[in-house]
Amino acid sequence: MKSSEQFQFTNGVIVYPVFMVLCLWLVFWVEIRFGYDFTKWGIYPQTLKGLRGVVFSPFIHSGISHLYHNTIPLFVLSAAVFYFYKPIALKVFVFGVLLSGLLTWLIGRPSYHIGASGLIYVLVSFTFFKGVFAKHFRLIALSLLIVFLYGSMVWYTLPIEKGISWEGHLSGLIVGLFFALIFKKQIAKPKKYVWEDPAYNEDNDPFLRHFDENGNFIEQLPDDELYDVNESVEERFNQNQPTVNYIYKKQSDD
């Protein structure tokens, strides 16, 4: 497989999630330390001034509890995306923030919408649906884990509790599903083994020929069978070798 199709554990798997979480806590520390209130930098729907919140709102939180409840899901989901979807992870994050923010700006109530929960819903939705669509056992396992950990979050895409931006959550859910549909390339693909090939014949497999019809292992094959196996390997080897033609020039008497 190509390197872009493999799961890769790199420094980015940890560095990017840690950096994003630190940014959230740094902004909150500045608010507390210097007495600022950045709430008005959040998304305020259908106003030109409120558009700046599309970029800034994920870094703004109403309190320590709000920030704490967003920190752990953001870190876990970010690490999962950077591990399993490394080639497109940054696209998911950057465009996830922008598109979910714009959609919140379009459908939200006339109030300030702040917090990283919109981005978290993008990640939850993307990892779940992408795993299902990709039909890769590891990605499906990740989807099931996401359902187990964060499945109850789907209820907060509905207006069931005051003070919660369900519009931001719903926007994130929609954007994540959209990404799962359009990002079809540059993701890990299932590894195919030789026995999954439709043309595979187990009778010609050198390893399986060491077992009899009862499944007993035969340490030493008969000479004729061993010869046939070696011959088939040699034939396949020779088929891939280039043909070399030698041209001899007669040396002149001079």
C-alpha atoms as a PDB file:
ATOM      1  CA  MET A   1       0.000   0.000   0.000  1.00  0.00           C
ATOM      2  CA  LYS A   2       1.039   3.568  -0.542  1.00  0.00           C
ATOM      3  CA  SER A   3       2.025   5.551   2.515  1.00  0.00           C
ATOM      4  CA  SER A   4      -1.003   7.834   2.101  1.00  0.00           C
ATOM      5  CA  GLU A   5      -3.275   4.804   2.492  1.00  0.00           C
ATOM      6  CA  GLN A   6      -1.798   3.571   5.764  1.00  0.00           C
ATOM      7  CA  PHE A   7      -2.556   4.445   9.359  1.00  0.00           C
ATOM      8  CA  GLN A   8       0.374   6.496  10.573  1.00  0.00           C
ATOM      9  CA  PHE A   9       1.253   7.504  14.109  1.00  0.00           C
ATOM     10  CA  THR A  10       3.198  10.748  13.837  1.00  0.00           C
ATOM     11  CA  ASN A  11       3.907  13.657  16.130  1.00  0.00           C
ATOM     12  CA  GLY A  12       0.945  15.486  14.600  1.00  0.00           C
ATOM     13  CA  VAL A  13      -1.415  13.009  16.249  1.00  0.00           C
ATOM     14  CA  ILE A  14      -0.541  14.533  19.623  1.00  0.00           C
ATOM     15  CA  VAL A  15       0.888  17.951  18.743  1.00  0.00           C
ATOM     16  CA  TYR A  16      -2.156  19.362  16.957  1.00  0.00           C
ATOM     17  CA  PRO A  17      -4.755  18.250  19.541  1.00  0.00           C
ATOM     18  CA  VAL A  18      -2.593  19.514  22.412  1.00  0.00           C
ATOM     19  CA  PHE A  19      -2.043  22.838  20.616  1.00  0.00           C
ATOM     20  CA  MET A  20      -5.774  23.347  20.057  1.00  0.00           C
ATOM     21  CA  VAL A  21      -6.639  22.547  23.651  1.00  0.00           C
ATOM     22  CA  LEU A  22      -3.922  24.876  24.927  1.00  0.00           C
ATOM     23  CA  CYS A  23      -5.313  27.678  22.752  1.00  0.00           C
ATOM     24  CA  LEU A  24      -8.730  27.291  24.372  1.00  0.00           C
ATOM     25  CA  TRP A  25      -7.276  27.414  27.865  1.00  0.00           C
ATOM     26  CA  LEU A  26      -4.975  30.314  27.001  1.00  0.00           C
ATOM     27  CA  VAL A  27      -7.898  32.441  25.807  1.00  0.00           C
ATOM     28  CA  PHE A  28      -9.846  31.603  28.946  1.00  0.00           C
ATOM     29  CA  TRP A  29      -6.816  32.440  31.124  1.00  0.00           C
ATOM     30  CA  VAL A  30      -6.494  35.847  29.434  1.00  0.00           C
ATOM     31  CA  GLU A  31     -10.150  36.551  30.173  1.00  0.00           C
ATOM     32  CA  ILE A  32      -9.753  35.671  33.864  1.00  0.00           C
ATOM     33  CA  ARG A  33      -6.329  37.226  34.352  1.00  0.00           C
ATOM     34  CA  PHE A  34      -7.069  40.582  32.742  1.00  0.00           C
ATOM     35  CA  GLY A  35     -10.824  40.787  33.314  1.00  0.00           C
ATOM     36  CA  TYR A  36     -11.884  40.569  29.664  1.00  0.00           C
ATOM     37  CA  ASP A  37     -15.136  39.202  28.335  1.00  0.00           C
ATOM     38  CA  PHE A  38     -14.841  37.879  24.795  1.00  0.00           C
ATOM     39  CA  THR A  39     -18.471  36.761  24.539  1.00  0.00           C
ATOM     40  CA  LYS A  40     -19.289  39.533  22.055  1.00  0.00           C
ATOM     41  CA  TRP A  41     -16.700  38.030  19.716  1.00  0.00           C
ATOM     42  CA  GLY A  42     -18.937  34.992  19.312  1.00  0.00           C
ATOM     43  CA  ILE A  43     -21.349  34.296  16.479  1.00  0.00           C
ATOM     44  CA  TYR A  44     -24.351  36.609  16.413  1.00  0.00           C
ATOM     45  CA  PRO A  45     -26.651  35.327  13.653  1.00  0.00           C
ATOM     46  CA  GLN A  46     -27.748  37.447  10.708  1.00  0.00           C
ATOM     47  CA  THR A  47     -25.536  40.405  11.583  1.00  0.00           C
ATOM     48  CA  LEU A  48     -22.433  41.536   9.757  1.00  0.00           C
ATOM     49  CA  LYS A  49     -20.547  42.062  13.011  1.00  0.00           C
ATOM     50  CA  GLY A  50     -21.536  38.604  14.184  1.00  0.00           C
ATOM     51  CA  LEU A  51     -19.646  37.007  11.285  1.00  0.00           C
ATOM     52  CA  ARG A  52     -16.344  37.446  13.105  1.00  0.00           C
ATOM     53  CA  GLY A  53     -17.536  34.798  15.531  1.00  0.00           C
ATOM     54  CA  VAL A  54     -17.250  32.198  12.757  1.00  0.00           C
ATOM     55  CA  VAL A  55     -13.489  32.264  13.376  1.00  0.00           C
ATOM     56  CA  PHE A  56     -13.294  33.273  17.037  1.00  0.00           C
ATOM     57  CA  SER A  57     -16.261  31.531  18.691  1.00  0.00           C
ATOM     58  CA  PRO A  58     -14.593  28.068  19.095  1.00  0.00           C
ATOM     59  CA  PHE A  59     -11.985  29.649  21.392  1.00  0.00           C
ATOM     60  CA  ILE A  60     -14.481  31.416  23.669  1.00  0.00           C
ATOM     61  CA  HIS A  61     -16.257  29.744  26.596  1.00  0.00           C
ATOM     62  CA  SER A  62     -18.704  30.964  29.202  1.00  0.00           C
ATOM     63  CA  GLY A  63     -16.953  29.408  32.193  1.00  0.00           C
ATOM     64  CA  ILE A  64     -14.606  26.747  33.522  1.00  0.00           C
ATOM     65  CA  SER A  65     -17.301  24.073  33.369  1.00  0.00           C
ATOM     66  CA  HIS A  66     -18.117  24.875  29.755  1.00  0.00           C
ATOM     67  CA  LEU A  67     -14.430  24.768  28.839  1.00  0.00           C
ATOM     68  CA  TYR A  68     -13.750  21.551  30.753  1.00  0.00           C
ATOM     69  CA  HIS A  69     -16.611  19.667  29.106  1.00  0.00           C
ATOM     70  CA  ASN A  70     -15.310  20.649  25.667  1.00  0.00           C
ATOM     71  CA  THR A  71     -11.633  19.947  26.352  1.00  0.00           C
ATOM     72  CA  ILE A  72     -11.678  16.150  26.684  1.00  0.00           C
ATOM     73  CA  PRO A  73     -13.934  15.411  23.667  1.00  0.00           C
ATOM     74  CA  LEU A  74     -11.947  17.840  21.519  1.00  0.00           C
ATOM     75  CA  PHE A  75      -8.636  16.221  22.426  1.00  0.00           C
ATOM     76  CA  VAL A  76      -9.859  12.624  21.985  1.00  0.00           C
ATOM     77  CA  LEU A  77     -11.633  13.267  18.704  1.00  0.00           C
ATOM     78  CA  SER A  78      -8.797  15.396  17.335  1.00  0.00           C
ATOM     79  CA  ALA A  79      -6.268  12.667  18.043  1.00  0.00           C
ATOM     80  CA  ALA A  80      -8.521  10.095  16.364  1.00  0.00           C
ATOM     81  CA  VAL A  81      -8.941  12.218  13.243  1.00  0.00           C
ATOM     82  CA  PHE A  82      -5.215  12.943  12.958  1.00  0.00           C
ATOM     83  CA  TYR A  83      -4.381   9.269  13.423  1.00  0.00           C
ATOM     84  CA  PHE A  84      -6.934   7.673  11.115  1.00  0.00           C
ATOM     85  CA  TYR A  85      -7.400  10.518   8.598  1.00  0.00           C
ATOM     86  CA  LYS A  86      -4.019  12.259   8.607  1.00  0.00           C
ATOM     87  CA  PRO A  87      -4.067  13.459   4.934  1.00  0.00           C
ATOM     88  CA  ILE A  88      -7.373  15.323   5.359  1.00  0.00           C
ATOM     89  CA  ALA A  89      -7.349  16.122   9.080  1.00  0.00           C
ATOM     90  CA  LEU A  90      -6.430  19.813   8.706  1.00  0.00           C
ATOM     91  CA  LYS A  91      -9.086  20.273   6.035  1.00  0.00           C
ATOM     92  CA  VAL A  92     -11.683  18.782   8.348  1.00  0.00           C
ATOM     93  CA  PHE A  93     -10.686  21.157  11.135  1.00  0.00           C
ATOM     94  CA  VAL A  94     -10.318  24.390   9.179  1.00  0.00           C
ATOM     95  CA  PHE A  95     -13.345  23.990   6.946  1.00  0.00           C
ATOM     96  CA  GLY A  96     -15.275  22.411   9.811  1.00  0.00           C
ATOM     97  CA  VAL A  97     -14.879  25.564  11.899  1.00  0.00           C
ATOM     98  CA  LEU A  98     -15.784  27.853   9.006  1.00  0.00           C
ATOM     99  CA  LEU A  99     -18.736  25.944   7.569  1.00  0.00           C
ATOM    100  CA  SER A 100     -20.328  25.017  10.904  1.00  0.00           C
ATOM    101  CA  GLY A 101     -19.893  28.626  12.021  1.00  0.00           C
ATOM    102  CA  LEU A 102     -21.490  29.999   8.856  1.00  0.00           C
ATOM    103  CA  LEU A 103     -24.403  27.603   9.142  1.00  0.00           C
ATOM    104  CA  THR A 104     -24.901  28.612  12.768  1.00  0.00           C
ATOM    105  CA  TRP A 105     -24.833  32.250  11.676  1.00  0.00           C
ATOM    106  CA  LEU A 106     -27.588  31.487   9.164  1.00  0.00           C
ATOM    107  CA  ILE A 107     -29.976  29.445  11.328  1.00  0.00           C
ATOM    108  CA  GLY A 108     -29.157  30.576  14.886  1.00  0.00           C
ATOM    109  CA  ARG A 109     -31.261  32.550  17.319  1.00  0.00           C
ATOM    110  CA  PRO A 110     -30.436  36.232  17.923  1.00  0.00           C
ATOM    111  CA  SER A 111     -27.911  35.498  20.668  1.00  0.00           C
ATOM    112  CA  TYR A 112     -24.169  35.014  21.046  1.00  0.00           C
ATOM    113  CA  HIS A 113     -23.076  31.471  20.171  1.00  0.00           C
ATOM    114  CA  ILE A 114     -19.713  30.510  21.661  1.00  0.00           C
ATOM    115  CA  GLY A 115     -17.677  27.388  22.414  1.00  0.00           C
ATOM    116  CA  ALA A 116     -15.872  24.576  20.605  1.00  0.00           C
ATOM    117  CA  SER A 117     -18.895  22.281  20.712  1.00  0.00           C
ATOM    118  CA  GLY A 118     -19.753  23.043  17.090  1.00  0.00           C
ATOM    119  CA  LEU A 119     -16.348  21.730  16.020  1.00  0.00           C
ATOM    120  CA  ILE A 120     -16.742  18.730  18.327  1.00  0.00           C
ATOM    121  CA  TYR A 121     -19.998  17.817  16.605  1.00  0.00           C
ATOM    122  CA  VAL A 122     -18.244  18.098  13.248  1.00  0.00           C
ATOM    123  CA  LEU A 123     -15.642  15.573  14.431  1.00  0.00           C
ATOM    124  CA  VAL A 124     -18.200  13.218  15.980  1.00  0.00           C
ATOM    125  CA  SER A 125     -20.344  13.244  12.855  1.00  0.00           C
ATOM    126  CA  PHE A 126     -17.405  12.905  10.473  1.00  0.00           C
ATOM    127  CA  THR A 127     -15.691  10.016  12.276  1.00  0.00           C
ATOM    128  CA  PHE A 128     -18.945   8.110  12.676  1.00  0.00           C
ATOM    129  CA  PHE A 129     -20.273   8.430   9.123  1.00  0.00           C
ATOM    130  CA  LYS A 130     -16.873   8.150   7.450  1.00  0.00           C
ATOM    131  CA  GLY A 131     -16.196   4.885   9.257  1.00  0.00           C
ATOM    132  CA  VAL A 132     -19.516   3.484   8.094  1.00  0.00           C
ATOM    133  CA  PHE A 133     -19.064   4.631   4.497  1.00  0.00           C
ATOM    134  CA  ALA A 134     -15.436   3.458   4.226  1.00  0.00           C
ATOM    135  CA  LYS A 135     -16.301  -0.170   5.132  1.00  0.00           C
ATOM    136  CA  HIS A 136     -12.942  -0.583   6.885  1.00  0.00           C
ATOM    137  CA  PHE A 137     -13.057  -2.687  10.030  1.00  0.00           C
ATOM    138  CA  ARG A 138     -10.827  -0.325  12.030  1.00  0.00           C
ATOM    139  CA  LEU A 139     -12.826   2.727  11.002  1.00  0.00           C
ATOM    140  CA  ILE A 140     -16.097   0.947  11.760  1.00  0.00           C
ATOM    141  CA  ALA A 141     -14.704   0.064  15.193  1.00  0.00           C
ATOM    142  CA  LEU A 142     -13.878   3.751  15.665  1.00  0.00           C
ATOM    143  CA  SER A 143     -17.455   4.646  14.679  1.00  0.00           C
ATOM    144  CA  LEU A 144     -18.850   2.245  17.258  1.00  0.00           C
ATOM    145  CA  LEU A 145     -16.546   3.710  19.895  1.00  0.00           C
ATOM    146  CA  ILE A 146     -17.761   7.205  19.022  1.00  0.00           C
ATOM    147  CA  VAL A 147     -21.366   6.059  19.402  1.00  0.00           C
ATOM    148  CA  PHE A 148     -20.552   4.509  22.783  1.00  0.00           C
ATOM    149  CA  LEU A 149     -18.764   7.606  24.088  1.00  0.00           C
ATOM    150  CA  TYR A 150     -20.710  10.438  22.511  1.00  0.00           C
ATOM    151  CA  GLY A 151     -23.917   8.953  21.111  1.00  0.00           C
ATOM    152  CA  SER A 152     -26.073  10.814  23.610  1.00  0.00           C
ATOM    153  CA  MET A 153     -24.826  14.109  22.182  1.00  0.00           C
ATOM    154  CA  VAL A 154     -27.307  13.782  19.323  1.00  0.00           C
ATOM    155  CA  TRP A 155     -30.088  14.948  21.652  1.00  0.00           C
ATOM    156  CA  TYR A 156     -28.392  18.312  22.055  1.00  0.00           C
ATOM    157  CA  THR A 157     -28.960  19.047  18.368  1.00  0.00           C
ATOM    158  CA  LEU A 158     -32.558  19.702  19.421  1.00  0.00           C
ATOM    159  CA  PRO A 159     -33.857  22.669  21.475  1.00  0.00           C
ATOM    160  CA  ILE A 160     -34.302  20.647  24.667  1.00  0.00           C
ATOM    161  CA  GLU A 161     -32.292  22.792  27.085  1.00  0.00           C
ATOM    162  CA  LYS A 162     -32.033  26.542  27.477  1.00  0.00           C
ATOM    163  CA  GLY A 163     -28.650  28.195  27.277  1.00  0.00           C
ATOM    164  CA  ILE A 164     -27.234  25.602  24.858  1.00  0.00           C
ATOM    165  CA  SER A 165     -26.589  26.443  21.216  1.00  0.00           C
ATOM    166  CA  TRP A 166     -28.411  23.531  19.632  1.00  0.00           C
ATOM    167  CA  GLU A 167     -28.088  25.380  16.320  1.00  0.00           C
ATOM    168  CA  GLY A 168     -24.296  25.148  16.569  1.00  0.00           C
ATOM    169  CA  HIS A 169     -24.523  21.451  17.409  1.00  0.00           C
ATOM    170  CA  LEU A 170     -26.895  20.754  14.529  1.00  0.00           C
ATOM    171  CA  SER A 171     -24.646  22.720  12.165  1.00  0.00           C
ATOM    172  CA  GLY A 172     -21.645  20.668  13.226  1.00  0.00           C
ATOM    173  CA  LEU A 173     -23.568  17.420  12.721  1.00  0.00           C
ATOM    174  CA  ILE A 174     -24.598  18.428   9.202  1.00  0.00           C
ATOM    175  CA  VAL A 175     -21.120  19.612   8.210  1.00  0.00           C
ATOM    176  CA  GLY A 176     -19.514  16.413   9.529  1.00  0.00           C
ATOM    177  CA  LEU A 177     -21.906  14.290   7.475  1.00  0.00           C
ATOM    178  CA  PHE A 178     -21.159  16.452   4.437  1.00  0.00           C
ATOM    179  CA  PHE A 179     -17.401  15.912   4.880  1.00  0.00           C
ATOM    180  CA  ALA A 180     -17.907  12.158   5.221  1.00  0.00           C
ATOM    181  CA  LEU A 181     -19.615  12.171   1.832  1.00  0.00           C
ATOM    182  CA  ILE A 182     -17.158  14.354  -0.105  1.00  0.00           C
ATOM    183  CA  PHE A 183     -13.818  13.183   1.338  1.00  0.00           C
ATOM    184  CA  LYS A 184     -13.714   9.847  -0.441  1.00  0.00           C
ATOM    185  CA  LYS A 185     -10.006   9.718  -1.208  1.00  0.00           C
ATOM    186  CA  GLN A 186      -6.805   9.859   0.844  1.00  0.00           C
ATOM    187  CA  ILE A 187      -8.134   7.734   3.667  1.00  0.00           C
ATOM    188  CA  ALA A 188      -6.923   4.411   4.969  1.00  0.00           C
ATOM    189  CA  LYS A 189      -8.100   1.502   2.863  1.00  0.00           C
ATOM    190  CA  PRO A 190      -8.538  -2.124   3.863  1.00  0.00           C
ATOM    191  CA  LYS A 191      -5.487  -4.273   3.250  1.00  0.00           C
ATOM    192  CA  LYS A 192      -6.211  -7.070   0.799  1.00  0.00           C
ATOM    193  CA  TYR A 193      -4.551 -10.424   1.302  1.00  0.00           C
ATOM    194  CA  VAL A 194      -3.629 -12.897  -1.404  1.00  0.00           C
ATOM    195  CA  TRP A 195      -6.448 -15.286  -0.462  1.00  0.00           C
ATOM    196  CA  GLU A 196      -8.990 -12.524  -1.109  1.00  0.00           C
ATOM    197  CA  ASP A 197      -8.049 -12.497  -4.795  1.00  0.00           C
ATOM    198  CA  PRO A 198     -10.823 -14.107  -6.889  1.00  0.00           C
ATOM    199  CA  ALA A 199      -8.152 -15.984  -8.859  1.00  0.00           C
ATOM    200  CA  TYR A 200      -6.577 -17.449  -5.741  1.00  0.00           C
ATOM    201  CA  ASN A 201      -6.169 -21.243  -5.784  1.00  0.00           C
ATOM    202  CA  GLU A 202      -5.320 -22.825  -2.471  1.00  0.00           C
ATOM    203  CA  ASP A 203      -3.984 -25.941  -4.204  1.00  0.00           C
ATOM    204  CA  ASN A 204      -1.085 -23.868  -5.534  1.00  0.00           C
ATOM    205  CA  ASP A 205      -0.301 -22.187  -2.239  1.00  0.00           C
ATOM    206  CA  PRO A 206       3.178 -23.373  -1.100  1.00  0.00           C
ATOM    207  CA  PHE A 207       2.238 -23.065   2.559  1.00  0.00           C
ATOM    208  CA  LEU A 208      -1.140 -24.830   2.409  1.00  0.00           C
ATOM    209  CA  ARG A 209       0.423 -27.757   0.548  1.00  0.00           C
ATOM    210  CA  HIS A 210       2.121 -28.662   3.828  1.00  0.00           C
ATOM    211  CA  PHE A 211      -1.287 -29.748   5.191  1.00  0.00           C
ATOM    212  CA  ASP A 212      -3.116 -32.924   4.289  1.00  0.00           C
ATOM    213  CA  GLU A 213      -6.891 -33.306   3.863  1.00  0.00           C
ATOM    214  CA  ASN A 214      -7.265 -33.809   7.638  1.00  0.00           C
ATOM    215  CA  GLY A 215      -5.401 -30.619   8.498  1.00  0.00           C
ATOM    216  CA  ASN A 216      -2.257 -32.395   9.681  1.00  0.00           C
ATOM    217  CA  PHE A 217       1.006 -30.553   9.060  1.00  0.00           C
ATOM    218  CA  ILE A 218       3.485 -32.254   6.698  1.00  0.00           C
ATOM    219  CA  GLU A 219       6.970 -31.074   7.528  1.00  0.00           C
ATOM    220  CA  GLN A 220       8.651 -32.594   4.465  1.00  0.00           C
ATOM    221  CA  LEU A 221       6.835 -32.633   1.150  1.00  0.00           C
ATOM    222  CA  PRO A 222       7.466 -35.391  -1.413  1.00  0.00           C
ATOM    223  CA  ASP A 223      10.152 -34.489  -3.928  1.00  0.00           C
ATOM    224  CA  ASP A 224       7.726 -34.151  -6.822  1.00  0.00           C
ATOM    225  CA  GLU A 225       5.450 -31.756  -4.926  1.00  0.00           C
ATOM    226  CA  LEU A 226       8.405 -29.768  -3.674  1.00  0.00           C
ATOM    227  CA  TYR A 227       9.731 -29.563  -7.216  1.00  0.00           C
ATOM    228  CA  ASP A 228       6.385 -28.316  -8.525  1.00  0.00           C
ATOM    229  CA  VAL A 229       6.200 -25.612  -5.866  1.00  0.00           C
ATOM    230  CA  ASN A 230       9.737 -24.437  -6.542  1.00  0.00           C
ATOM    231  CA  GLU A 231       9.116 -24.535 -10.252  1.00  0.00           C
ATOM    232  CA  SER A 232       6.022 -22.343  -9.985  1.00  0.00           C
ATOM    233  CA  VAL A 233       7.896 -19.811  -7.901  1.00  0.00           C
ATOM    234  CA  GLU A 234      10.806 -19.826 -10.342  1.00  0.00           C
ATOM    235  CA  GLU A 235       8.475 -19.360 -13.289  1.00  0.00           C
ATOM    236  CA  ARG A 236       6.832 -16.377 -11.662  1.00  0.00           C
ATOM    237  CA  PHE A 237      10.250 -14.954 -10.889  1.00  0.00           C
ATOM    238  CA  ASN A 238      11.444 -15.365 -14.480  1.00  0.00           C
ATOM    239  CA  GLN A 239       8.330 -13.702 -15.864  1.00  0.00           C
ATOM    240  CA  ASN A 240       9.279 -10.459 -14.161  1.00  0.00           C
ATOM    241  CA  GLN A 241      12.886 -10.465 -15.376  1.00  0.00           C
ATOM    242  CA  PRO A 242      13.969  -8.268 -18.296  1.00  0.00           C
ATOM    243  CA  THR A 243      15.290  -9.877 -21.475  1.00  0.00           C
ATOM    244  CA  VAL A 244      18.948  -9.117 -22.235  1.00  0.00           C
ATOM    245  CA  ASN A 245      20.282  -9.510 -25.772  1.00  0.00           C
ATOM    246  CA  TYR A 246      24.050  -9.672 -26.331  1.00  0.00           C
ATOM    247  CA  ILE A 247      25.546  -8.580 -29.668  1.00  0.00           C
ATOM    248  CA  TYR A 248      29.086  -9.732 -30.421  1.00  0.00           C
ATOM    249  CA  LYS A 249      31.194  -7.764 -32.866  1.00  0.00           C
ATOM    250  CA  LYS A 250      33.967  -9.582 -34.661  1.00  0.00           C
ATOM    251  CA  GLN A 251      37.355  -8.088 -33.986  1.00  0.00           C
ATOM    252  CA  SER A 252      39.145  -6.908 -37.117  1.00  0.00           C
ATOM    253  CA  ASP A 253      42.563  -8.246 -38.065  1.00  0.00           C
ATOM    254  CA  ASP A 254      43.997  -4.728 -38.034  1.00  0.00           C
END
